[in-house]
């Protein structure tokens, strides 16, 4: 075995270890989100930074860009959760629902962003499945913004993100990440149920 082969094996081992670490931390962060726990944001920042490196090395540039967005919005999200939008005795922002018209506009934005960014990646980079990668980015941005506002609708968007991500990561050989996204998919359904239950208990006449 030559020196080059040894280097390639070492690099692969390091990438696999990084993928394992990133998934472990993000699994904790996503579980905390479903539990409506404020620490989802701090653990999420660490996981996103690690995933950024993993995705760059696998030519998933839209997903890598998305991690930077997640880091920035995690800081904002943590602040927003700790500061209710209305004067209240509560220490944290409560769970609310988004207007149907808002959800429609967000879906339209996701489609437009997917087509635009997907075209740029297809035209100017060697990105792998650029339109699929871009769809994950666009839907994740919406999901994150809804999560920051503690909107129940964050969870159906995350379910869609996870569904598409499982197929993309599996096709790229990131089998551990794909497997854990299956768990994230289940967790998103749990989060959707739990958040609706918590809102129903807080506002029994409006949920």
N, C-alpha and C. Protein backbone atom coordinates (compact mmCIF):
# COMPACT_ATOMS: atom_id res chain seq x y z
N UNK A 1 0.85 -1.19 0.00
CA UNK A 1 0.00 0.00 0.00
C UNK A 1 0.88 1.23 0.00
N UNK A 2 0.63 2.17 -0.90
CA UNK A 2 1.47 3.35 -1.02
C UNK A 2 1.08 4.42 -0.03
N UNK A 3 1.90 5.49 -0.04
CA UNK A 3 1.65 6.60 0.88
C UNK A 3 0.33 7.27 0.59
N UNK A 4 0.00 7.39 -0.72
CA UNK A 4 -1.25 8.03 -1.09
C UNK A 4 -2.46 7.25 -0.57
N UNK A 5 -2.37 5.91 -0.69
CA UNK A 5 -3.48 5.09 -0.21
C UNK A 5 -3.69 5.26 1.29
N UNK A 6 -2.59 5.33 2.02
CA UNK A 6 -2.66 5.50 3.47
C UNK A 6 -3.30 6.84 3.81
N UNK A 7 -2.96 7.88 3.06
CA UNK A 7 -3.52 9.19 3.30
C UNK A 7 -5.03 9.20 3.04
N UNK A 8 -5.44 8.53 1.96
CA UNK A 8 -6.85 8.49 1.62
C UNK A 8 -7.64 7.75 2.69
N UNK A 9 -7.08 6.66 3.21
CA UNK A 9 -7.76 5.90 4.25
C UNK A 9 -7.89 6.73 5.51
N UNK A 10 -6.80 7.44 5.88
CA UNK A 10 -6.83 8.28 7.07
C UNK A 10 -7.88 9.37 6.93
N UNK A 11 -7.94 9.99 5.73
CA UNK A 11 -8.92 11.04 5.49
C UNK A 11 -10.33 10.51 5.58
N UNK A 12 -10.56 9.33 5.06
CA UNK A 12 -11.90 8.72 5.13
C UNK A 12 -12.29 8.41 6.56
N UNK A 13 -11.34 7.87 7.33
CA UNK A 13 -11.62 7.57 8.73
C UNK A 13 -11.96 8.84 9.51
N UNK A 14 -11.21 9.91 9.22
CA UNK A 14 -11.47 11.17 9.91
C UNK A 14 -12.84 11.72 9.55
N UNK A 15 -13.23 11.60 8.27
CA UNK A 15 -14.53 12.08 7.84
C UNK A 15 -15.65 11.27 8.49
N UNK A 16 -15.45 9.95 8.57
CA UNK A 16 -16.46 9.11 9.20
C UNK A 16 -16.63 9.48 10.68
N UNK A 17 -15.51 9.72 11.36
CA UNK A 17 -15.58 10.11 12.77
C UNK A 17 -16.29 11.44 12.93
N UNK A 18 -16.02 12.37 12.00
CA UNK A 18 -16.66 13.68 12.04
C UNK A 18 -18.16 13.54 11.81
N UNK A 19 -18.54 12.68 10.88
CA UNK A 19 -19.96 12.45 10.60
C UNK A 19 -20.67 11.87 11.83
N UNK A 20 -20.01 10.93 12.49
CA UNK A 20 -20.59 10.33 13.70
C UNK A 20 -20.79 11.39 14.78
N UNK A 21 -19.77 12.22 14.99
CA UNK A 21 -19.84 13.25 16.03
C UNK A 21 -20.94 14.27 15.70
N UNK A 22 -21.00 14.68 14.44
CA UNK A 22 -22.00 15.67 14.03
C UNK A 22 -23.41 15.13 14.23
N UNK A 23 -23.61 13.88 13.86
CA UNK A 23 -24.94 13.27 14.00
C UNK A 23 -25.33 13.10 15.46
N UNK A 24 -24.37 12.73 16.29
CA UNK A 24 -24.67 12.53 17.71
C UNK A 24 -25.12 13.84 18.36
N UNK A 25 -24.42 14.92 18.05
CA UNK A 25 -24.76 16.21 18.65
C UNK A 25 -26.08 16.73 18.09
N UNK A 26 -26.29 16.58 16.78
CA UNK A 26 -27.53 17.05 16.19
C UNK A 26 -28.72 16.22 16.65
N UNK A 27 -28.50 14.94 16.89
CA UNK A 27 -29.59 14.10 17.40
C UNK A 27 -30.06 14.64 18.75
N UNK A 28 -29.10 15.03 19.58
CA UNK A 28 -29.44 15.60 20.88
C UNK A 28 -30.19 16.92 20.70
N UNK A 29 -29.71 17.75 19.79
CA UNK A 29 -30.34 19.05 19.56
C UNK A 29 -31.78 18.92 19.07
N UNK A 30 -32.00 18.01 18.14
CA UNK A 30 -33.34 17.83 17.57
C UNK A 30 -34.29 17.22 18.60
N UNK A 31 -33.77 16.30 19.41
CA UNK A 31 -34.60 15.73 20.48
C UNK A 31 -35.01 16.82 21.46
N UNK A 32 -34.08 17.72 21.79
CA UNK A 32 -34.39 18.82 22.69
C UNK A 32 -35.42 19.77 22.08
N UNK A 33 -35.37 19.95 20.75
CA UNK A 33 -36.35 20.81 20.09
C UNK A 33 -37.75 20.22 20.23
N UNK A 34 -37.87 18.92 20.01
CA UNK A 34 -39.17 18.27 20.17
C UNK A 34 -39.67 18.36 21.60
N UNK A 35 -38.73 18.40 22.55
CA UNK A 35 -39.09 18.53 23.96
C UNK A 35 -39.35 19.98 24.35
N UNK A 36 -39.24 20.90 23.36
CA UNK A 36 -39.47 22.33 23.61
C UNK A 36 -38.46 22.87 24.63
N UNK A 37 -37.19 22.40 24.51
CA UNK A 37 -36.14 22.75 25.45
C UNK A 37 -35.19 23.79 24.85
N UNK A 38 -34.90 24.83 25.59
CA UNK A 38 -34.09 25.95 25.11
C UNK A 38 -32.69 25.54 24.68
N UNK A 39 -32.17 24.45 25.24
CA UNK A 39 -30.81 24.03 24.92
C UNK A 39 -30.67 23.41 23.53
N UNK A 40 -31.79 23.29 22.82
CA UNK A 40 -31.71 22.84 21.43
C UNK A 40 -30.83 23.77 20.60
N UNK A 41 -30.79 25.05 20.97
CA UNK A 41 -30.05 26.03 20.16
C UNK A 41 -28.54 25.90 20.34
N UNK A 42 -28.07 25.76 21.57
CA UNK A 42 -26.62 25.70 21.80
C UNK A 42 -26.02 24.41 21.23
N UNK A 43 -26.70 23.30 21.45
CA UNK A 43 -26.19 22.05 20.88
C UNK A 43 -26.27 22.07 19.36
N UNK A 44 -27.30 22.74 18.83
CA UNK A 44 -27.46 22.82 17.39
C UNK A 44 -26.32 23.57 16.72
N UNK A 45 -25.82 24.61 17.36
CA UNK A 45 -24.71 25.38 16.78
C UNK A 45 -23.49 24.50 16.58
N UNK A 46 -23.16 23.71 17.60
CA UNK A 46 -21.99 22.83 17.49
C UNK A 46 -22.19 21.80 16.39
N UNK A 47 -23.36 21.19 16.35
CA UNK A 47 -23.64 20.19 15.34
C UNK A 47 -23.58 20.75 13.93
N UNK A 48 -24.09 21.96 13.75
CA UNK A 48 -24.09 22.59 12.43
C UNK A 48 -22.68 22.87 11.92
N UNK A 49 -21.82 23.31 12.80
CA UNK A 49 -20.44 23.58 12.40
C UNK A 49 -19.75 22.29 11.93
N UNK A 50 -20.00 21.21 12.63
CA UNK A 50 -19.41 19.93 12.24
C UNK A 50 -20.00 19.44 10.91
N UNK A 51 -21.31 19.58 10.75
CA UNK A 51 -21.94 19.15 9.50
C UNK A 51 -21.49 19.99 8.32
N UNK A 52 -21.16 21.25 8.56
CA UNK A 52 -20.66 22.10 7.48
C UNK A 52 -19.43 21.51 6.83
N UNK A 53 -18.52 21.00 7.65
CA UNK A 53 -17.30 20.38 7.13
C UNK A 53 -17.63 19.09 6.38
N UNK A 54 -18.52 18.28 6.94
CA UNK A 54 -18.91 17.02 6.30
C UNK A 54 -19.50 17.28 4.92
N UNK A 55 -20.39 18.25 4.81
CA UNK A 55 -21.06 18.50 3.54
C UNK A 55 -20.13 19.09 2.49
N UNK A 56 -19.22 19.96 2.91
CA UNK A 56 -18.25 20.52 1.95
C UNK A 56 -17.41 19.40 1.34
N UNK A 57 -16.99 18.47 2.15
CA UNK A 57 -16.16 17.37 1.66
C UNK A 57 -16.94 16.41 0.76
N UNK A 58 -18.27 16.49 0.80
CA UNK A 58 -19.09 15.61 -0.03
C UNK A 58 -19.79 16.38 -1.16
N UNK A 59 -19.34 17.59 -1.44
CA UNK A 59 -19.84 18.40 -2.55
C UNK A 59 -21.33 18.74 -2.41
N UNK A 60 -21.81 18.82 -1.19
CA UNK A 60 -23.18 19.23 -0.92
C UNK A 60 -23.15 20.68 -0.45
N UNK A 61 -22.90 21.58 -1.40
CA UNK A 61 -22.59 22.96 -1.06
C UNK A 61 -23.80 23.72 -0.51
N UNK A 62 -24.99 23.42 -1.02
CA UNK A 62 -26.18 24.09 -0.48
C UNK A 62 -26.38 23.71 0.98
N UNK A 63 -26.17 22.43 1.30
CA UNK A 63 -26.31 22.00 2.69
C UNK A 63 -25.23 22.62 3.56
N UNK A 64 -24.03 22.80 3.01
CA UNK A 64 -22.95 23.43 3.77
C UNK A 64 -23.30 24.89 4.06
N UNK A 65 -23.83 25.59 3.04
CA UNK A 65 -24.27 26.97 3.23
C UNK A 65 -25.36 27.05 4.28
N UNK A 66 -26.23 26.08 4.26
CA UNK A 66 -27.34 26.04 5.20
C UNK A 66 -26.86 25.99 6.64
N UNK A 67 -25.75 25.33 6.88
CA UNK A 67 -25.24 25.22 8.26
C UNK A 67 -24.85 26.58 8.82
N UNK A 68 -24.31 27.47 7.96
CA UNK A 68 -23.98 28.82 8.41
C UNK A 68 -25.25 29.58 8.79
N UNK A 69 -26.28 29.39 7.99
CA UNK A 69 -27.57 30.01 8.30
C UNK A 69 -28.09 29.49 9.63
N UNK A 70 -27.96 28.18 9.85
CA UNK A 70 -28.44 27.60 11.09
C UNK A 70 -27.70 28.15 12.31
N UNK A 71 -26.40 28.35 12.17
CA UNK A 71 -25.62 28.89 13.29
C UNK A 71 -26.11 30.29 13.65
N UNK A 72 -26.28 31.13 12.62
CA UNK A 72 -26.73 32.51 12.86
C UNK A 72 -28.13 32.54 13.46
N UNK A 73 -29.03 31.75 12.89
CA UNK A 73 -30.41 31.78 13.37
C UNK A 73 -30.57 31.08 14.72
N UNK A 74 -29.66 30.19 15.04
CA UNK A 74 -29.71 29.56 16.36
C UNK A 74 -29.44 30.59 17.46
N UNK A 75 -28.54 31.50 17.18
CA UNK A 75 -28.27 32.58 18.14
C UNK A 75 -29.50 33.47 18.30
N UNK A 76 -30.12 33.82 17.16
CA UNK A 76 -31.32 34.64 17.20
C UNK A 76 -32.48 33.88 17.85
N UNK A 77 -32.61 32.61 17.49
CA UNK A 77 -33.69 31.80 18.03
C UNK A 77 -33.63 31.67 19.53
N UNK A 78 -32.43 31.48 20.04
CA UNK A 78 -32.26 31.38 21.49
C UNK A 78 -32.72 32.66 22.17
N UNK A 79 -32.35 33.79 21.60
CA UNK A 79 -32.77 35.09 22.15
C UNK A 79 -34.28 35.24 22.09
N UNK A 80 -34.88 34.86 20.95
CA UNK A 80 -36.32 35.02 20.80
C UNK A 80 -37.10 34.12 21.75
N UNK A 81 -36.62 32.91 21.95
CA UNK A 81 -37.33 32.02 22.88
C UNK A 81 -37.32 32.59 24.29
N UNK A 82 -36.24 33.28 24.63
CA UNK A 82 -36.11 33.81 25.99
C UNK A 82 -36.79 35.17 26.16
N UNK A 83 -37.31 35.73 25.05
CA UNK A 83 -37.95 37.04 25.12
C UNK A 83 -39.33 36.96 24.48
N UNK A 84 -40.39 36.80 25.27
CA UNK A 84 -41.75 36.74 24.72
C UNK A 84 -42.06 37.97 23.88
N UNK A 85 -42.88 37.77 22.82
CA UNK A 85 -43.18 38.87 21.91
C UNK A 85 -44.19 39.86 22.49
N UNK A 86 -44.89 39.46 23.54
CA UNK A 86 -45.85 40.34 24.18
C UNK A 86 -45.51 40.49 25.67
N UNK A 87 -45.84 41.64 26.26
CA UNK A 87 -45.59 41.79 27.71
C UNK A 87 -46.34 40.70 28.48
N UNK A 88 -45.62 39.91 29.22
CA UNK A 88 -46.23 38.78 29.92
C UNK A 88 -45.34 38.36 31.07
N UNK A 89 -45.92 37.62 31.97
CA UNK A 89 -45.14 37.12 33.11
C UNK A 89 -44.31 35.91 32.72
N UNK A 90 -44.59 35.35 31.54
CA UNK A 90 -43.85 34.16 31.10
C UNK A 90 -42.39 34.49 30.83
N UNK A 91 -41.52 33.55 31.13
CA UNK A 91 -40.09 33.75 30.91
C UNK A 91 -39.68 33.45 29.48
N UNK A 92 -40.51 32.68 28.75
CA UNK A 92 -40.18 32.29 27.38
C UNK A 92 -41.38 32.51 26.47
N UNK A 93 -41.10 32.63 25.16
CA UNK A 93 -42.15 32.78 24.15
C UNK A 93 -43.01 31.51 24.11
N UNK A 94 -44.30 31.68 24.00
CA UNK A 94 -45.20 30.55 23.95
C UNK A 94 -45.33 29.96 22.55
N UNK A 95 -45.87 28.75 22.46
CA UNK A 95 -46.12 28.09 21.18
C UNK A 95 -47.35 28.70 20.54
N UNK A 96 -47.25 29.08 19.26
CA UNK A 96 -48.37 29.66 18.53
C UNK A 96 -48.49 29.00 17.16
N UNK A 97 -49.52 29.40 16.40
CA UNK A 97 -49.75 28.86 15.07
C UNK A 97 -49.52 29.95 14.03
N UNK A 98 -49.07 29.57 12.85
CA UNK A 98 -48.91 30.51 11.74
C UNK A 98 -50.22 30.60 10.97
N UNK A 99 -50.47 31.75 10.34
CA UNK A 99 -51.66 31.92 9.53
C UNK A 99 -51.55 31.05 8.27
N UNK A 100 -52.67 30.50 7.78
CA UNK A 100 -52.63 29.70 6.55
C UNK A 100 -52.03 30.45 5.37
N UNK A 101 -52.33 31.74 5.27
CA UNK A 101 -51.77 32.53 4.17
C UNK A 101 -50.26 32.63 4.27
N UNK A 102 -49.75 32.68 5.49
CA UNK A 102 -48.31 32.73 5.69
C UNK A 102 -47.65 31.43 5.23
N UNK A 103 -48.27 30.31 5.55
CA UNK A 103 -47.74 29.01 5.13
C UNK A 103 -47.71 28.90 3.61
N UNK A 104 -48.74 29.41 2.94
CA UNK A 104 -48.79 29.36 1.47
C UNK A 104 -47.66 30.19 0.87
N UNK A 105 -47.46 31.38 1.40
CA UNK A 105 -46.37 32.23 0.90
C UNK A 105 -45.00 31.60 1.17
N UNK A 106 -44.85 30.96 2.28
CA UNK A 106 -43.58 30.30 2.59
C UNK A 106 -43.32 29.15 1.63
N UNK A 107 -44.36 28.39 1.29
CA UNK A 107 -44.20 27.29 0.34
C UNK A 107 -43.82 27.82 -1.04
N UNK A 108 -44.43 28.93 -1.44
CA UNK A 108 -44.10 29.54 -2.74
C UNK A 108 -42.65 30.03 -2.75
N UNK A 109 -42.22 30.61 -1.64
CA UNK A 109 -40.83 31.04 -1.53
C UNK A 109 -39.87 29.86 -1.64
N UNK A 110 -40.22 28.75 -1.00
CA UNK A 110 -39.36 27.57 -1.04
C UNK A 110 -39.19 27.08 -2.48
N UNK A 111 -40.26 27.07 -3.26
CA UNK A 111 -40.19 26.63 -4.65
C UNK A 111 -39.31 27.56 -5.47
N UNK A 112 -39.51 28.86 -5.31
CA UNK A 112 -38.72 29.83 -6.07
C UNK A 112 -37.24 29.76 -5.70
N UNK A 113 -36.95 29.65 -4.42
CA UNK A 113 -35.56 29.58 -3.97
C UNK A 113 -34.89 28.30 -4.44
N UNK A 114 -35.64 27.20 -4.46
CA UNK A 114 -35.09 25.93 -4.93
C UNK A 114 -34.68 26.02 -6.38
N UNK A 115 -35.54 26.59 -7.21
CA UNK A 115 -35.24 26.70 -8.64
C UNK A 115 -34.08 27.66 -8.89
N UNK A 116 -34.06 28.78 -8.18
CA UNK A 116 -33.01 29.78 -8.41
C UNK A 116 -31.64 29.29 -7.95
N UNK A 117 -31.56 28.81 -6.71
CA UNK A 117 -30.27 28.37 -6.19
C UNK A 117 -29.83 27.07 -6.85
N UNK A 118 -30.78 26.22 -7.17
CA UNK A 118 -30.43 24.98 -7.87
C UNK A 118 -29.81 25.27 -9.22
N UNK A 119 -30.35 26.26 -9.93
CA UNK A 119 -29.78 26.64 -11.23
C UNK A 119 -28.36 27.16 -11.08
N UNK A 120 -28.13 27.99 -10.07
CA UNK A 120 -26.79 28.53 -9.85
C UNK A 120 -25.78 27.42 -9.55
N UNK A 121 -26.17 26.49 -8.71
CA UNK A 121 -25.27 25.38 -8.39
C UNK A 121 -25.01 24.50 -9.61
N UNK A 122 -26.06 24.26 -10.38
CA UNK A 122 -25.92 23.44 -11.59
C UNK A 122 -25.01 24.11 -12.61
N UNK A 123 -25.14 25.41 -12.71
CA UNK A 123 -24.41 26.16 -13.74
C UNK A 123 -22.97 26.46 -13.35
N UNK A 124 -22.72 26.72 -12.08
CA UNK A 124 -21.41 27.25 -11.70
C UNK A 124 -20.64 26.38 -10.71
N UNK A 125 -21.10 25.17 -10.41
CA UNK A 125 -20.36 24.32 -9.48
C UNK A 125 -20.48 22.86 -9.90
N UNK A 126 -19.78 22.01 -9.18
CA UNK A 126 -19.87 20.57 -9.41
C UNK A 126 -20.76 19.92 -8.36
N UNK A 127 -21.77 20.67 -7.90
CA UNK A 127 -22.65 20.19 -6.83
C UNK A 127 -23.36 18.90 -7.24
N UNK A 128 -23.57 18.05 -6.25
CA UNK A 128 -24.26 16.78 -6.45
C UNK A 128 -25.75 17.00 -6.28
N UNK A 129 -26.56 16.64 -7.28
CA UNK A 129 -28.02 16.82 -7.28
C UNK A 129 -28.39 18.22 -6.78
N UNK A 130 -28.00 19.25 -7.52
CA UNK A 130 -28.14 20.62 -7.02
C UNK A 130 -29.57 21.04 -6.68
N UNK A 131 -30.55 20.59 -7.46
CA UNK A 131 -31.92 21.03 -7.18
C UNK A 131 -32.48 20.37 -5.93
N UNK A 132 -32.15 19.10 -5.73
CA UNK A 132 -32.58 18.43 -4.51
C UNK A 132 -31.90 19.05 -3.29
N UNK A 133 -30.61 19.30 -3.43
CA UNK A 133 -29.84 19.93 -2.36
C UNK A 133 -30.42 21.30 -2.03
N UNK A 134 -30.80 22.05 -3.07
CA UNK A 134 -31.35 23.39 -2.88
C UNK A 134 -32.74 23.34 -2.24
N UNK A 135 -33.51 22.31 -2.57
CA UNK A 135 -34.83 22.17 -1.95
C UNK A 135 -34.70 21.98 -0.45
N UNK A 136 -33.71 21.19 -0.05
CA UNK A 136 -33.47 20.98 1.38
C UNK A 136 -33.10 22.29 2.05
N UNK A 137 -32.25 23.08 1.37
CA UNK A 137 -31.86 24.37 1.91
C UNK A 137 -33.07 25.27 2.10
N UNK A 138 -33.88 25.43 1.06
CA UNK A 138 -35.02 26.35 1.11
C UNK A 138 -36.03 25.94 2.18
N UNK A 139 -36.37 24.67 2.21
CA UNK A 139 -37.34 24.19 3.19
C UNK A 139 -36.79 24.27 4.61
N UNK A 140 -35.50 24.05 4.76
CA UNK A 140 -34.88 24.13 6.08
C UNK A 140 -34.87 25.56 6.61
N UNK A 141 -34.65 26.51 5.70
CA UNK A 141 -34.68 27.92 6.11
C UNK A 141 -36.06 28.26 6.68
N UNK A 142 -37.10 27.84 5.97
CA UNK A 142 -38.47 28.10 6.44
C UNK A 142 -38.72 27.39 7.77
N UNK A 143 -38.32 26.14 7.85
CA UNK A 143 -38.53 25.37 9.08
C UNK A 143 -37.84 26.03 10.26
N UNK A 144 -36.62 26.49 10.04
CA UNK A 144 -35.86 27.12 11.11
C UNK A 144 -36.50 28.43 11.56
N UNK A 145 -36.98 29.22 10.59
CA UNK A 145 -37.62 30.48 10.95
C UNK A 145 -38.88 30.25 11.77
N UNK A 146 -39.66 29.24 11.40
CA UNK A 146 -40.86 28.90 12.15
C UNK A 146 -40.50 28.37 13.55
N UNK A 147 -39.40 27.62 13.63
CA UNK A 147 -38.95 27.12 14.93
C UNK A 147 -38.52 28.27 15.83
N UNK A 148 -37.84 29.25 15.25
CA UNK A 148 -37.40 30.41 16.01
C UNK A 148 -38.59 31.15 16.63
N UNK A 149 -39.71 31.17 15.88
CA UNK A 149 -40.91 31.85 16.36
C UNK A 149 -41.80 30.93 17.21
N UNK A 150 -41.35 29.70 17.40
CA UNK A 150 -42.10 28.68 18.14
C UNK A 150 -43.48 28.45 17.53
N UNK A 151 -43.51 28.30 16.20
CA UNK A 151 -44.75 28.02 15.49
C UNK A 151 -44.92 26.51 15.31
N UNK A 152 -46.13 26.02 15.54
CA UNK A 152 -46.41 24.60 15.40
C UNK A 152 -46.07 24.09 14.01
N UNK A 153 -46.26 24.96 13.00
CA UNK A 153 -46.07 24.55 11.60
C UNK A 153 -44.63 24.24 11.25
N UNK A 154 -43.70 24.51 12.16
CA UNK A 154 -42.31 24.14 11.89
C UNK A 154 -42.17 22.64 11.64
N UNK A 155 -42.99 21.84 12.31
CA UNK A 155 -42.80 20.38 12.26
C UNK A 155 -43.21 19.74 10.94
N UNK A 156 -44.34 20.08 10.30
CA UNK A 156 -44.59 19.49 8.98
C UNK A 156 -43.53 19.88 7.95
N UNK A 157 -42.97 21.09 8.08
CA UNK A 157 -41.88 21.47 7.18
C UNK A 157 -40.64 20.62 7.45
N UNK A 158 -40.34 20.37 8.73
CA UNK A 158 -39.19 19.53 9.05
C UNK A 158 -39.40 18.10 8.58
N UNK A 159 -40.63 17.63 8.65
CA UNK A 159 -40.92 16.28 8.15
C UNK A 159 -40.58 16.18 6.67
N UNK A 160 -40.95 17.22 5.91
CA UNK A 160 -40.63 17.24 4.47
C UNK A 160 -39.13 17.29 4.24
N UNK A 161 -38.44 18.14 4.99
CA UNK A 161 -36.98 18.24 4.88
C UNK A 161 -36.33 16.89 5.13
N UNK A 162 -36.73 16.24 6.19
CA UNK A 162 -36.12 14.96 6.55
C UNK A 162 -36.40 13.88 5.51
N UNK A 163 -37.59 13.89 4.94
CA UNK A 163 -37.95 12.90 3.92
C UNK A 163 -37.03 13.01 2.71
N UNK A 164 -36.82 14.24 2.24
CA UNK A 164 -35.95 14.45 1.08
C UNK A 164 -34.49 14.18 1.44
N UNK A 165 -34.09 14.58 2.63
CA UNK A 165 -32.70 14.43 3.05
C UNK A 165 -32.28 12.97 3.15
N UNK A 166 -33.17 12.12 3.61
CA UNK A 166 -32.85 10.70 3.75
C UNK A 166 -32.40 10.13 2.41
N UNK A 167 -33.17 10.41 1.37
CA UNK A 167 -32.84 9.90 0.03
C UNK A 167 -31.53 10.50 -0.49
N UNK A 168 -31.33 11.81 -0.29
CA UNK A 168 -30.13 12.47 -0.79
C UNK A 168 -28.88 11.93 -0.13
N UNK A 169 -28.88 11.85 1.18
CA UNK A 169 -27.68 11.42 1.90
C UNK A 169 -27.38 9.94 1.64
N UNK A 170 -28.42 9.13 1.50
CA UNK A 170 -28.20 7.71 1.20
C UNK A 170 -27.56 7.56 -0.18
N UNK A 171 -28.02 8.36 -1.14
CA UNK A 171 -27.46 8.26 -2.50
C UNK A 171 -26.02 8.75 -2.56
N UNK A 172 -25.62 9.56 -1.59
CA UNK A 172 -24.24 10.09 -1.55
C UNK A 172 -23.32 9.20 -0.72
N UNK A 173 -23.88 8.15 -0.11
CA UNK A 173 -23.05 7.24 0.68
C UNK A 173 -22.93 7.63 2.14
N UNK A 174 -23.64 8.68 2.54
CA UNK A 174 -23.63 9.10 3.95
C UNK A 174 -24.71 8.30 4.68
N UNK A 175 -24.45 7.02 4.84
CA UNK A 175 -25.47 6.10 5.34
C UNK A 175 -25.82 6.36 6.80
N UNK A 176 -24.81 6.71 7.60
CA UNK A 176 -25.10 7.01 9.00
C UNK A 176 -26.00 8.24 9.10
N UNK A 177 -25.67 9.26 8.34
CA UNK A 177 -26.48 10.47 8.35
C UNK A 177 -27.90 10.17 7.86
N UNK A 178 -28.02 9.36 6.81
CA UNK A 178 -29.34 9.00 6.29
C UNK A 178 -30.14 8.23 7.34
N UNK A 179 -29.47 7.32 8.05
CA UNK A 179 -30.15 6.53 9.07
C UNK A 179 -30.65 7.42 10.21
N UNK A 180 -29.81 8.37 10.62
CA UNK A 180 -30.21 9.25 11.70
C UNK A 180 -31.30 10.22 11.26
N UNK A 181 -31.31 10.57 9.98
CA UNK A 181 -32.40 11.41 9.49
C UNK A 181 -33.72 10.66 9.52
N UNK A 182 -33.67 9.33 9.45
CA UNK A 182 -34.89 8.54 9.65
C UNK A 182 -35.39 8.74 11.07
N UNK A 183 -34.46 8.78 12.01
CA UNK A 183 -34.83 9.03 13.40
C UNK A 183 -35.34 10.46 13.56
N UNK A 184 -34.71 11.41 12.85
CA UNK A 184 -35.17 12.79 12.90
C UNK A 184 -36.59 12.90 12.35
N UNK A 185 -36.88 12.10 11.32
CA UNK A 185 -38.20 12.09 10.72
C UNK A 185 -39.26 11.66 11.74
N UNK A 186 -38.95 10.60 12.48
CA UNK A 186 -39.85 10.15 13.53
C UNK A 186 -39.97 11.21 14.62
N UNK A 187 -38.84 11.81 14.98
CA UNK A 187 -38.82 12.83 16.02
C UNK A 187 -39.65 14.04 15.63
N UNK A 188 -39.64 14.39 14.34
CA UNK A 188 -40.43 15.52 13.87
C UNK A 188 -41.93 15.27 14.04
N UNK A 189 -42.35 14.04 13.77
CA UNK A 189 -43.74 13.69 14.02
C UNK A 189 -44.08 13.80 15.50
N UNK A 190 -43.15 13.36 16.34
CA UNK A 190 -43.34 13.46 17.79
C UNK A 190 -43.41 14.92 18.22
N UNK A 191 -42.50 15.74 17.67
CA UNK A 191 -42.49 17.16 18.00
C UNK A 191 -43.79 17.84 17.60
N UNK A 192 -44.30 17.48 16.42
CA UNK A 192 -45.56 18.06 15.95
C UNK A 192 -46.68 17.72 16.92
N UNK A 193 -46.75 16.46 17.33
CA UNK A 193 -47.78 16.03 18.28
C UNK A 193 -47.61 16.74 19.63
N UNK A 194 -46.38 16.77 20.13
CA UNK A 194 -46.15 17.32 21.47
C UNK A 194 -46.45 18.82 21.51
N UNK A 195 -46.01 19.55 20.47
CA UNK A 195 -46.25 20.98 20.46
C UNK A 195 -47.74 21.30 20.38
N UNK A 196 -48.48 20.54 19.61
CA UNK A 196 -49.93 20.75 19.52
C UNK A 196 -50.59 20.47 20.87
N UNK A 197 -50.10 19.43 21.55
CA UNK A 197 -50.65 19.11 22.86
C UNK A 197 -50.36 20.23 23.87
N UNK A 198 -49.13 20.75 23.85
CA UNK A 198 -48.77 21.81 24.78
C UNK A 198 -49.58 23.07 24.50
N UNK A 199 -49.77 23.37 23.22
CA UNK A 199 -50.57 24.55 22.89
C UNK A 199 -52.03 24.35 23.30
N UNK A 200 -52.55 23.14 23.10
CA UNK A 200 -53.93 22.86 23.48
C UNK A 200 -54.14 23.02 24.98
N UNK A 201 -53.13 22.65 25.75
CA UNK A 201 -53.24 22.79 27.20
C UNK A 201 -53.17 24.26 27.61
N UNK A 202 -52.36 25.05 26.88
CA UNK A 202 -52.21 26.47 27.22
C UNK A 202 -53.40 27.29 26.73
N UNK A 203 -53.94 26.92 25.55
CA UNK A 203 -55.06 27.64 24.96
C UNK A 203 -56.15 26.67 24.55
N UNK A 204 -56.88 26.11 25.49
CA UNK A 204 -57.85 25.04 25.19
C UNK A 204 -58.98 25.47 24.27
N UNK A 205 -59.27 26.75 24.17
CA UNK A 205 -60.39 27.21 23.35
C UNK A 205 -59.98 27.66 21.96
N UNK A 206 -58.66 27.76 21.71
CA UNK A 206 -58.20 28.28 20.41
C UNK A 206 -57.43 27.27 19.60
N UNK A 207 -57.00 26.12 20.17
CA UNK A 207 -56.14 25.16 19.47
C UNK A 207 -57.01 24.16 18.70
